[in-house]
Amino acid sequence: MAQTSSRSTSPSHQDSKVADSEAPKFTWASLWQKPSINSLNGKSYTLPIFNLNNPYGRNFHLAWLGFFVAFLLIVCSHSGFAFPPLIPEAIKADLGLTSAQVANSNIVALSATLIVRLISGPLVDRYGPRIVMASLLILGAIPSGLAGTANNASSLYVIRFFIGILGGTFVPCQAWTSSFFDKNIVGTANAFVGGWGMSTYAIMVSLYSRLHSVMDRSKAWRVAFVAVPVPTLLLTAALTLIYGTDHPAGKWSDRHKFAAGLTGAAATQAEKANEKDKETGAVTVHEVNSTDLHELHTEHKNIVTVDIAVNQPLTFKSAMQILSNPLTWLPALAYMTTFGFELAVDSVLAHVLMDIDKNLTLLNAGYLASVFGLLNIWTRPFGGYVADRLYVRFGVAAKKWITLVLGVLQGVFTVGFGYYIHNLEHPDLGVVMGFIVLIAICNEMANGTNFSLVPHCNSYNNGVMSGLVGAFGNVGGIFFALIFRFQPHRGTPWIISGFFALGVNLVLMAFPAPRA
């Protein structure tokens, strides 16, 4: 058959295969050995992070690296994400900005990222995550190079809005690993690339501090924007285009061929779609129906939708189906309360710590605040890993429950922290940091478990789902940022935010879990 010759040249078929969707047990050797491949969809059951000789290891690293370098520039430009606010303070002083203007610029940046994430989702489903990732890195490098030209609040708003393009890289980052790693490991893969991508917090501060030691403040922050981030963005975009792979099948336009080569009606249906594609140049993806699933079950055990789902371009009909599906809003609203809260906390935490301990300098408060973000290095991946292990034992509903339980615990600890600093004139800094670490662990693990759940929701439009969920993280960031802005007492915004997160996650427990 035509599919056989086409599949024989795809990257995944150079590696070992495991039949019938039966994932092998974890071994340490799987981290460097050739990946074990699900023959139904070409996805890997293992995570070969120390093996760059295959497309699975390479694309895993390119996914997190693309998000990492984009986040590096976002960290440099504003305090809407987690990092010590040294550079924003330097910008504020140099441009003569008021606190309100700084807060407005944070909201502008978050709004831009929200918009780009919503747009990136459908683009990923249409063109593939590799092309979208490289395009965003290149587009984001242009305004980044102009960042140092800002001389007033208005020009800063414009530049920060366009730098927000880089925040959209989270969408192809997650969709890329979802395309290459199977349901037993996808949570771990998604959480690793998300967590490592957000581990930039101290880098730009160190760069700025080093530059400030040899030049004045006004020059230091402007040079910091251009010296490392811009060349890194362009280099990573080039690496993505040269060494990245669209899909286990090879080209993104061939992504349907794994499902097409399965058996019976599915093969016939896809064969017709292929012929139509040749005539029209269009990419047609047909969802496998119940008859096809019956035939697939005859040859392959435990087949579920996520095994055979292939990204399809967004249409008005599919958009309406997605928006009316409770499975869309389950991870989106949960992510709003977790990642959204993280964004807001990261922008205010250093100042909260300085208010609690008057002896803290901005530098020391900044580095203490960076603990919240730096924990992402292990908390997100650990959340994804836990969700995957629970999935293997209890099914996909376990991914829903662990995400929501962690969201509830985040709310409980946040409320407790709020009351603690609200009622004490001089809270103990050690206790404060203990609360911050507990909140961060629950918050960031929940972010990791969430993106283990996303591939199971609206599986045929994983790009759209990744974009929607990511965008709702920014919606939450804006919402919680406004709470912190308009509730100036240091304990009150934490209490309100904690009860909100607690309430939303409790309500979401009534939402159905994906079937597979």
Protein backbone atom coordinates (compact mmCIF):
# COMPACT_ATOMS: atom_id res chain seq x y z
CA MET A 1 0.00 0.00 0.00
CA ALA A 2 1.04 3.62 -0.49
CA GLN A 3 1.05 4.13 3.24
CA THR A 4 3.64 1.42 3.77
CA SER A 5 6.28 3.03 1.57
CA SER A 6 5.58 6.43 3.05
CA ARG A 7 5.80 5.19 6.63
CA SER A 8 9.00 3.27 6.07
CA THR A 9 10.88 6.54 5.65
CA SER A 10 9.36 8.32 8.64
CA PRO A 11 11.73 9.00 11.52
CA SER A 12 9.81 6.94 14.06
CA HIS A 13 10.23 3.72 12.15
CA GLN A 14 13.97 3.84 12.59
CA ASP A 15 13.40 3.05 16.26
CA SER A 16 12.07 0.07 18.20
CA LYS A 17 8.31 -0.48 18.35
CA VAL A 18 5.91 -1.75 20.98
CA ALA A 19 2.63 -3.12 19.63
CA ASP A 20 -0.95 -2.76 20.78
CA SER A 21 -0.56 0.40 22.87
CA GLU A 22 1.15 -1.50 25.69
CA ALA A 23 3.70 0.83 27.21
CA PRO A 24 6.87 -0.74 28.62
CA LYS A 25 7.76 -0.36 32.28
CA PHE A 26 10.10 2.48 33.08
CA THR A 27 13.81 1.75 33.15
CA TRP A 28 16.62 4.24 33.59
CA ALA A 29 18.10 3.02 30.34
CA SER A 30 15.08 4.38 28.48
CA LEU A 31 16.49 7.86 29.08
CA TRP A 32 19.31 7.21 26.62
CA GLN A 33 18.24 4.20 24.58
CA LYS A 34 16.22 4.36 21.37
CA PRO A 35 12.60 5.20 22.16
CA SER A 36 9.90 2.53 22.23
CA ILE A 37 7.27 3.50 19.68
CA ASN A 38 3.50 3.00 19.60
CA SER A 39 3.00 1.60 16.10
CA LEU A 40 -0.54 3.04 15.94
CA ASN A 41 0.49 6.69 16.05
CA GLY A 42 4.29 6.85 15.97
CA LYS A 43 4.47 8.39 19.44
CA SER A 44 7.10 7.37 21.95
CA TYR A 45 6.30 5.50 25.15
CA THR A 46 9.61 6.66 26.62
CA LEU A 47 11.40 9.96 27.12
CA PRO A 48 14.94 9.68 25.65
CA ILE A 49 16.23 12.98 27.00
CA PHE A 50 19.88 11.89 26.76
CA ASN A 51 19.61 10.63 23.19
CA LEU A 52 19.86 13.21 20.42
CA ASN A 53 20.31 10.63 17.67
CA ASN A 54 16.55 10.34 17.15
CA PRO A 55 13.82 12.93 16.45
CA TYR A 56 12.10 12.30 19.77
CA GLY A 57 15.05 13.42 21.88
CA ARG A 58 15.90 16.31 19.54
CA ASN A 59 12.37 17.69 19.34
CA PHE A 60 11.92 17.39 23.11
CA HIS A 61 14.96 19.60 23.67
CA LEU A 62 14.08 22.04 20.89
CA ALA A 63 10.58 22.45 22.38
CA TRP A 64 11.77 23.49 25.84
CA LEU A 65 14.71 25.48 24.46
CA GLY A 66 12.39 27.56 22.25
CA PHE A 67 10.14 28.37 25.18
CA PHE A 68 13.18 28.97 27.40
CA VAL A 69 14.82 31.60 25.20
CA ALA A 70 11.46 33.31 24.59
CA PHE A 71 10.82 33.40 28.31
CA LEU A 72 14.32 34.77 28.82
CA LEU A 73 13.34 37.90 26.90
CA ILE A 74 9.95 38.15 28.61
CA VAL A 75 11.71 37.94 31.97
CA CYS A 76 14.05 40.70 30.85
CA SER A 77 11.20 42.98 29.87
CA HIS A 78 8.75 42.89 32.73
CA SER A 79 7.71 41.57 36.10
CA GLY A 80 4.57 39.92 34.81
CA PHE A 81 6.46 36.66 35.14
CA ALA A 82 8.56 35.23 37.94
CA PHE A 83 11.87 36.94 38.47
CA PRO A 84 13.53 39.41 40.78
CA PRO A 85 12.29 42.83 39.62
CA LEU A 86 15.67 44.52 39.26
CA ILE A 87 15.41 45.33 35.58
CA PRO A 88 11.81 46.65 35.80
CA GLU A 89 12.89 48.86 38.72
CA ALA A 90 15.77 50.17 36.62
CA ILE A 91 13.39 50.84 33.70
CA LYS A 92 10.92 52.52 36.04
CA ALA A 93 13.54 54.88 37.42
CA ASP A 94 15.17 55.58 34.07
CA LEU A 95 11.91 56.39 32.27
CA GLY A 96 10.32 58.16 35.23
CA LEU A 97 7.35 55.78 35.38
CA THR A 98 4.72 55.76 38.10
CA SER A 99 3.70 52.52 39.83
CA ALA A 100 0.37 52.68 37.97
CA GLN A 101 2.18 52.90 34.61
CA VAL A 102 4.33 49.89 35.52
CA ALA A 103 1.21 47.94 36.47
CA ASN A 104 -0.49 48.98 33.23
CA SER A 105 2.51 47.83 31.19
CA ASN A 106 2.36 44.44 32.92
CA ILE A 107 -1.30 44.09 31.93
CA VAL A 108 -0.49 45.16 28.35
CA ALA A 109 2.16 42.44 28.12
CA LEU A 110 -0.12 39.76 29.58
CA SER A 111 -2.92 40.79 27.22
CA ALA A 112 -0.61 40.51 24.22
CA THR A 113 0.48 37.01 25.21
CA LEU A 114 -3.17 36.04 25.72
CA ILE A 115 -4.04 37.13 22.18
CA VAL A 116 -1.03 35.43 20.61
CA ARG A 117 -1.75 32.16 22.42
CA LEU A 118 -5.32 32.14 21.14
CA ILE A 119 -4.05 32.71 17.59
CA SER A 120 -1.17 30.23 17.87
CA GLY A 121 -3.43 27.28 18.70
CA PRO A 122 -5.23 27.08 15.33
CA LEU A 123 -1.95 27.84 13.54
CA VAL A 124 -0.31 24.88 15.25
CA ASP A 125 -3.12 22.56 14.13
CA ARG A 126 -2.81 23.87 10.58
CA TYR A 127 0.95 24.24 10.07
CA GLY A 128 2.50 22.25 12.88
CA PRO A 129 4.28 23.28 16.09
CA ARG A 130 7.81 23.45 14.62
CA ILE A 131 6.96 26.13 12.05
CA VAL A 132 4.88 28.12 14.53
CA MET A 133 7.63 27.97 17.17
CA ALA A 134 10.32 29.21 14.77
CA SER A 135 8.04 31.94 13.40
CA LEU A 136 7.22 33.29 16.86
CA LEU A 137 10.89 33.35 17.85
CA ILE A 138 11.81 35.32 14.73
CA LEU A 139 8.87 37.72 15.04
CA GLY A 140 9.55 38.26 18.73
CA ALA A 141 13.22 39.04 18.11
CA ILE A 142 12.34 42.17 16.12
CA PRO A 143 10.63 44.20 18.88
CA SER A 144 13.11 42.75 21.39
CA GLY A 145 15.95 44.41 19.54
CA LEU A 146 14.08 47.72 19.73
CA ALA A 147 13.30 47.47 23.45
CA GLY A 148 16.20 49.67 24.44
CA THR A 149 14.80 52.55 22.39
CA ALA A 150 11.89 53.13 24.82
CA ASN A 151 11.97 56.60 26.32
CA ASN A 152 8.52 57.02 27.89
CA ALA A 153 5.52 55.03 29.10
CA SER A 154 3.74 54.99 25.72
CA SER A 155 6.72 53.59 23.81
CA LEU A 156 7.23 51.02 26.58
CA TYR A 157 3.60 49.88 26.23
CA VAL A 158 4.03 49.37 22.48
CA ILE A 159 7.31 47.47 22.79
CA ARG A 160 6.06 45.27 25.60
CA PHE A 161 2.92 44.46 23.66
CA PHE A 162 4.93 43.15 20.71
CA ILE A 163 7.44 41.35 22.94
CA GLY A 164 4.34 39.54 24.22
CA ILE A 165 4.45 37.62 20.92
CA LEU A 166 7.11 35.46 22.54
CA GLY A 167 4.69 34.33 25.23
CA GLY A 168 2.84 32.43 22.51
CA THR A 169 5.76 29.96 22.24
CA PHE A 170 4.24 28.03 25.13
CA VAL A 171 1.55 26.73 22.76
CA PRO A 172 3.80 25.07 20.12
CA CYS A 173 6.07 23.95 22.97
CA GLN A 174 3.28 21.89 24.52
CA ALA A 175 1.72 20.78 21.23
CA TRP A 176 5.11 19.61 19.94
CA THR A 177 5.74 17.20 22.79
CA SER A 178 2.08 16.10 22.69
CA SER A 179 2.65 15.09 19.05
CA PHE A 180 5.73 13.00 19.83
CA PHE A 181 5.00 11.35 23.18
CA ASP A 182 2.26 8.86 23.96
CA LYS A 183 -0.44 9.08 26.59
CA ASN A 184 1.55 7.22 29.26
CA ILE A 185 4.40 9.75 29.21
CA VAL A 186 2.93 12.91 27.63
CA GLY A 187 2.28 14.57 30.98
CA THR A 188 5.89 14.14 32.02
CA ALA A 189 7.14 15.40 28.63
CA ASN A 190 4.82 18.43 28.63
CA ALA A 191 5.65 19.28 32.22
CA PHE A 192 9.39 19.01 31.66
CA VAL A 193 9.40 21.34 28.64
CA GLY A 194 7.12 23.79 30.45
CA GLY A 195 9.08 23.69 33.71
CA TRP A 196 12.51 23.91 32.13
CA GLY A 197 11.30 26.63 29.82
CA MET A 198 10.36 28.77 32.82
CA SER A 199 13.66 28.34 34.65
CA THR A 200 15.23 31.60 33.45
CA TYR A 201 14.51 33.74 36.48
CA ALA A 202 17.96 34.59 37.78
CA ILE A 203 19.74 34.71 34.42
CA MET A 204 18.68 38.15 33.27
CA VAL A 205 19.17 39.59 36.75
CA SER A 206 22.75 38.31 36.77
CA LEU A 207 23.32 39.72 33.28
CA TYR A 208 21.92 43.11 34.27
CA SER A 209 23.95 43.17 37.49
CA ARG A 210 27.15 42.37 35.60
CA LEU A 211 26.46 45.08 33.01
CA HIS A 212 25.53 47.59 35.71
CA SER A 213 28.96 47.06 37.29
CA VAL A 214 30.66 48.48 34.19
CA MET A 215 28.09 50.98 32.90
CA ASP A 216 25.34 53.20 34.25
CA ARG A 217 21.82 51.95 34.91
CA SER A 218 20.29 53.55 31.83
CA LYS A 219 22.70 51.76 29.48
CA ALA A 220 22.77 48.48 31.42
CA TRP A 221 19.09 47.58 31.07
CA ARG A 222 19.04 48.61 27.40
CA VAL A 223 22.08 46.51 26.57
CA ALA A 224 20.64 43.60 28.57
CA PHE A 225 17.74 43.40 26.12
CA VAL A 226 19.97 42.99 23.09
CA ALA A 227 23.22 41.38 24.25
CA VAL A 228 21.93 37.84 24.88
CA PRO A 229 18.20 37.43 24.12
CA VAL A 230 18.01 38.58 20.49
CA PRO A 231 20.89 36.51 19.08
CA THR A 232 19.69 33.55 21.13
CA LEU A 233 16.16 33.85 19.74
CA LEU A 234 17.39 33.85 16.15
CA LEU A 235 19.86 31.01 16.73
CA THR A 236 17.18 28.85 18.37
CA ALA A 237 14.78 29.55 15.51
CA ALA A 238 17.45 28.39 13.06
CA LEU A 239 18.12 25.22 15.08
CA THR A 240 14.38 24.52 15.19
CA LEU A 241 14.03 24.81 11.42
CA ILE A 242 17.19 22.82 10.64
CA TYR A 243 17.10 20.01 13.21
CA GLY A 244 13.44 19.89 14.23
CA THR A 245 10.82 17.48 12.88
CA ASP A 246 7.17 18.35 12.35
CA HIS A 247 5.65 15.04 13.35
CA PRO A 248 6.56 11.36 13.89
CA ALA A 249 5.35 10.79 10.32
CA GLY A 250 7.86 13.35 9.04
CA LYS A 251 6.16 16.32 7.36
CA TRP A 252 3.16 17.86 9.09
CA SER A 253 1.09 17.24 5.95
CA ASP A 254 1.73 13.49 6.45
CA ARG A 255 0.52 13.43 10.05
CA HIS A 256 -2.62 11.41 9.23
CA LYS A 257 -0.73 8.50 7.71
CA PHE A 258 -0.21 6.58 10.93
CA ALA A 259 -3.94 6.33 11.57
CA ALA A 260 -4.44 5.68 7.85
CA GLY A 261 -2.22 2.60 7.91
CA LEU A 262 -3.94 0.88 10.80
CA THR A 263 -6.51 -1.47 9.33
CA GLY A 264 -9.77 -1.95 7.48
CA ALA A 265 -12.14 0.99 7.21
CA ALA A 266 -9.64 3.44 8.69
CA ALA A 267 -7.15 2.67 5.94
CA THR A 268 -9.81 2.94 3.23
CA GLN A 269 -11.08 6.22 4.60
CA ALA A 270 -7.62 7.74 4.83
CA GLU A 271 -6.70 6.44 1.39
CA LYS A 272 -9.62 8.36 -0.11
CA ALA A 273 -8.57 11.44 1.85
CA ASN A 274 -5.03 11.10 0.46
CA GLU A 275 -6.32 11.00 -3.12
CA LYS A 276 -8.46 14.06 -2.48
CA ASP A 277 -5.47 15.83 -0.98
CA LYS A 278 -3.45 15.17 -4.11
CA GLU A 279 -6.18 16.68 -6.26
CA THR A 280 -7.03 19.73 -4.17
CA GLY A 281 -3.87 20.34 -2.20
CA ALA A 282 -5.99 20.47 0.96
CA VAL A 283 -5.26 18.57 4.16
CA THR A 284 -8.26 16.44 5.07
CA VAL A 285 -8.42 14.62 8.41
CA HIS A 286 -11.34 12.31 9.15
CA GLU A 287 -12.15 11.24 12.68
CA VAL A 288 -12.26 7.47 12.97
CA ASN A 289 -15.86 6.42 13.61
CA SER A 290 -17.28 3.63 15.80
CA THR A 291 -17.05 1.05 13.00
CA ASP A 292 -13.38 1.83 12.51
CA LEU A 293 -12.77 1.62 16.24
CA HIS A 294 -14.37 -1.83 16.33
CA GLU A 295 -12.00 -3.02 13.62
CA LEU A 296 -9.04 -1.43 15.35
CA HIS A 297 -9.92 -3.17 18.60
CA THR A 298 -9.85 -6.47 16.76
CA GLU A 299 -6.13 -6.07 16.06
CA HIS A 300 -5.01 -3.65 18.77
CA LYS A 301 -6.09 -3.75 22.40
CA ASN A 302 -7.04 -0.75 24.53
CA ILE A 303 -7.45 1.70 21.65
CA VAL A 304 -8.72 5.11 22.78
CA THR A 305 -9.34 8.37 20.93
CA VAL A 306 -6.04 9.93 21.93
CA ASP A 307 -4.25 6.96 20.27
CA ILE A 308 -5.56 7.78 16.83
CA ALA A 309 -6.48 11.48 17.02
CA VAL A 310 -4.71 13.65 14.44
CA ASN A 311 -4.60 17.46 14.53
CA GLN A 312 -7.12 18.94 12.12
CA PRO A 313 -7.51 22.56 10.97
CA LEU A 314 -10.01 24.58 12.94
CA THR A 315 -13.38 25.22 11.30
CA PHE A 316 -16.41 27.15 12.52
CA LYS A 317 -18.17 23.87 13.30
CA SER A 318 -15.27 22.40 15.25
CA ALA A 319 -14.77 25.72 17.07
CA MET A 320 -18.38 25.66 18.26
CA GLN A 321 -17.99 22.05 19.36
CA ILE A 322 -14.87 22.90 21.31
CA LEU A 323 -16.41 25.94 22.99
CA SER A 324 -19.52 23.98 24.01
CA ASN A 325 -17.55 21.03 25.39
CA PRO A 326 -17.09 20.98 29.20
CA LEU A 327 -13.74 19.26 28.62
CA THR A 328 -12.48 22.52 27.14
CA TRP A 329 -13.19 24.49 30.28
CA LEU A 330 -12.00 21.90 32.79
CA PRO A 331 -8.25 22.44 32.17
CA ALA A 332 -8.69 26.06 31.01
CA LEU A 333 -10.37 27.30 34.20
CA ALA A 334 -8.09 25.22 36.40
CA TYR A 335 -5.04 26.71 34.67
CA MET A 336 -6.50 30.18 35.14
CA THR A 337 -6.41 29.66 38.92
CA THR A 338 -2.93 28.12 39.00
CA PHE A 339 -0.69 29.61 36.32
CA GLY A 340 -2.66 32.85 36.40
CA PHE A 341 -2.02 33.11 40.12
CA GLU A 342 1.65 32.31 39.57
CA LEU A 343 1.98 35.22 37.13
CA ALA A 344 0.47 37.66 39.59
CA VAL A 345 2.48 36.42 42.57
CA ASP A 346 5.72 36.64 40.64
CA SER A 347 5.09 40.31 39.87
CA VAL A 348 4.48 41.35 43.50
CA LEU A 349 6.30 38.88 45.72
CA ALA A 350 9.58 40.78 46.07
CA HIS A 351 7.75 43.90 47.20
CA VAL A 352 5.61 41.87 49.61
CA LEU A 353 8.78 40.45 51.17
CA MET A 354 10.31 43.92 51.48
CA ASP A 355 7.14 45.12 53.20
CA ILE A 356 7.33 42.21 55.63
CA ASP A 357 11.06 42.59 56.38
CA LYS A 358 12.21 46.20 56.18
CA ASN A 359 15.85 45.10 56.29
CA LEU A 360 15.68 43.35 52.92
CA THR A 361 17.27 45.11 49.98
CA LEU A 362 15.65 44.92 46.57
CA LEU A 363 18.41 42.55 45.46
CA ASN A 364 17.90 40.14 48.37
CA ALA A 365 14.11 40.34 48.14
CA GLY A 366 14.35 39.68 44.43
CA TYR A 367 16.41 36.56 44.87
CA LEU A 368 14.12 35.28 47.64
CA ALA A 369 11.13 35.92 45.37
CA SER A 370 12.81 34.02 42.55
CA VAL A 371 12.45 30.84 44.63
CA PHE A 372 8.81 30.73 43.58
CA GLY A 373 9.71 30.59 39.91
CA LEU A 374 12.87 28.50 40.19
CA LEU A 375 10.93 25.69 41.83
CA ASN A 376 9.41 25.12 38.38
CA ILE A 377 12.57 23.23 37.47
CA TRP A 378 11.30 20.21 39.41
CA THR A 379 7.72 20.95 40.52
CA ARG A 380 6.15 21.05 37.04
CA PRO A 381 7.96 17.93 35.82
CA PHE A 382 7.11 16.13 39.05
CA GLY A 383 3.44 17.07 38.63
CA GLY A 384 3.42 15.67 35.11
CA TYR A 385 5.19 12.50 36.26
CA VAL A 386 2.72 11.95 39.11
CA ALA A 387 -0.22 12.45 36.74
CA ASP A 388 1.20 9.93 34.27
CA ARG A 389 1.76 7.32 36.98
CA LEU A 390 -1.78 7.80 38.31
CA TYR A 391 -3.11 7.55 34.75
CA VAL A 392 -1.42 4.21 34.16
CA ARG A 393 -3.03 2.81 37.31
CA PHE A 394 -6.40 4.55 37.54
CA GLY A 395 -7.16 6.01 34.11
CA VAL A 396 -7.54 9.52 32.76
CA ALA A 397 -9.94 10.64 35.53
CA ALA A 398 -6.98 10.54 37.90
CA LYS A 399 -5.35 13.35 35.91
CA LYS A 400 -8.42 15.49 36.49
CA TRP A 401 -8.56 14.77 40.22
CA ILE A 402 -4.89 15.35 40.98
CA THR A 403 -5.03 18.68 39.11
CA LEU A 404 -8.04 19.90 41.06
CA VAL A 405 -6.86 18.61 44.43
CA LEU A 406 -3.60 20.50 43.99
CA GLY A 407 -5.59 23.61 43.00
CA VAL A 408 -7.64 23.31 46.18
CA LEU A 409 -4.51 22.90 48.29
CA GLN A 410 -3.03 25.98 46.63
CA GLY A 411 -6.14 27.90 47.66
CA VAL A 412 -6.00 26.63 51.24
CA PHE A 413 -2.33 27.52 51.71
CA THR A 414 -2.85 30.93 50.06
CA VAL A 415 -5.73 31.78 52.38
CA GLY A 416 -3.64 30.65 55.36
CA PHE A 417 -0.72 32.79 54.24
CA GLY A 418 -2.98 35.77 53.72
CA TYR A 419 -4.39 35.57 57.24
CA TYR A 420 -0.91 35.06 58.69
CA ILE A 421 0.60 38.23 57.21
CA HIS A 422 -2.70 40.11 57.63
CA ASN A 423 -2.88 39.69 61.39
CA LEU A 424 0.79 40.04 62.35
CA GLU A 425 2.66 43.33 62.33
CA HIS A 426 6.03 41.58 61.97
CA PRO A 427 5.58 38.14 60.40
CA ASP A 428 8.52 35.78 60.65
CA LEU A 429 10.38 35.68 57.32
CA GLY A 430 11.09 31.96 57.71
CA VAL A 431 7.41 31.15 58.14
CA VAL A 432 6.58 33.40 55.21
CA MET A 433 9.02 31.57 52.94
CA GLY A 434 7.64 28.25 54.18
CA PHE A 435 4.15 29.30 53.04
CA ILE A 436 5.56 30.54 49.73
CA VAL A 437 7.27 27.20 49.06
CA LEU A 438 4.11 25.21 49.91
CA ILE A 439 1.98 27.43 47.67
CA ALA A 440 4.53 27.17 44.86
CA ILE A 441 4.76 23.37 45.05
CA CYS A 442 0.97 22.92 44.83
CA ASN A 443 0.60 25.66 42.21
CA GLU A 444 3.35 24.47 39.88
CA MET A 445 2.63 20.75 40.26
CA ALA A 446 -0.95 21.58 39.26
CA ASN A 447 0.37 23.32 36.14
CA GLY A 448 2.27 20.15 35.28
CA THR A 449 -0.66 17.82 35.88
CA ASN A 450 -2.91 20.13 33.88
CA PHE A 451 -0.88 19.71 30.71
CA SER A 452 -0.92 15.97 31.19
CA LEU A 453 -4.72 16.29 30.97
CA VAL A 454 -4.90 18.64 27.97
CA PRO A 455 -4.03 16.03 25.26
CA HIS A 456 -7.09 14.01 26.31
CA CYS A 457 -9.47 16.97 25.81
CA ASN A 458 -10.57 17.70 22.22
CA SER A 459 -7.74 15.50 20.97
CA TYR A 460 -8.30 16.35 17.30
CA ASN A 461 -7.51 20.00 18.00
CA ASN A 462 -4.66 19.74 20.47
CA GLY A 463 -3.13 22.99 19.22
CA VAL A 464 -6.35 24.89 19.86
CA MET A 465 -6.64 23.30 23.30
CA SER A 466 -3.06 24.19 24.20
CA GLY A 467 -3.70 27.76 23.04
CA LEU A 468 -6.95 28.11 24.96
CA VAL A 469 -5.58 26.70 28.18
CA GLY A 470 -2.42 28.80 27.89
CA ALA A 471 -4.48 31.90 27.16
CA PHE A 472 -6.65 31.32 30.22
CA GLY A 473 -3.47 31.26 32.25
CA ASN A 474 -2.96 34.84 31.09
CA VAL A 475 -6.60 35.69 31.80
CA GLY A 476 -5.94 34.53 35.34
CA GLY A 477 -2.73 36.55 35.44
CA ILE A 478 -4.62 39.73 34.59
CA PHE A 479 -7.44 38.91 37.03
CA PHE A 480 -5.16 38.21 39.99
CA ALA A 481 -2.91 41.16 39.10
CA LEU A 482 -5.95 43.45 39.37
CA ILE A 483 -6.77 41.97 42.78
CA PHE A 484 -3.27 42.74 44.02
CA ARG A 485 -3.41 46.21 42.50
CA PHE A 486 -6.73 47.28 44.00
CA GLN A 487 -6.43 45.50 47.36
CA PRO A 488 -3.37 47.22 48.81
CA HIS A 489 -3.37 45.64 52.27
CA ARG A 490 -0.68 42.98 52.16
CA GLY A 491 -2.89 40.12 53.40
CA THR A 492 -6.20 40.88 51.69
CA PRO A 493 -5.31 40.04 48.06
CA TRP A 494 -3.88 36.68 49.14
CA ILE A 495 -7.05 35.82 51.02
CA ILE A 496 -9.31 36.81 48.10
CA SER A 497 -7.12 34.98 45.58
CA GLY A 498 -6.97 31.87 47.74
CA PHE A 499 -10.74 31.65 48.19
CA PHE A 500 -11.24 32.22 44.45
CA ALA A 501 -8.88 29.39 43.51
CA LEU A 502 -10.43 27.16 46.13
CA GLY A 503 -13.96 27.83 44.88
CA VAL A 504 -13.24 27.40 41.17
CA ASN A 505 -11.40 24.10 41.65
CA LEU A 506 -14.18 22.75 43.87
CA VAL A 507 -16.77 23.64 41.21
CA LEU A 508 -14.67 21.99 38.49
CA MET A 509 -14.85 18.70 40.39
CA ALA A 510 -18.40 18.41 39.04
CA PHE A 511 -17.14 18.59 35.44
CA PRO A 512 -16.81 15.27 33.60
CA ALA A 513 -13.38 13.77 33.03
CA PRO A 514 -12.27 12.73 29.53
CA ARG A 515 -13.19 9.15 28.65
CA ALA A 516 -9.72 8.29 27.41
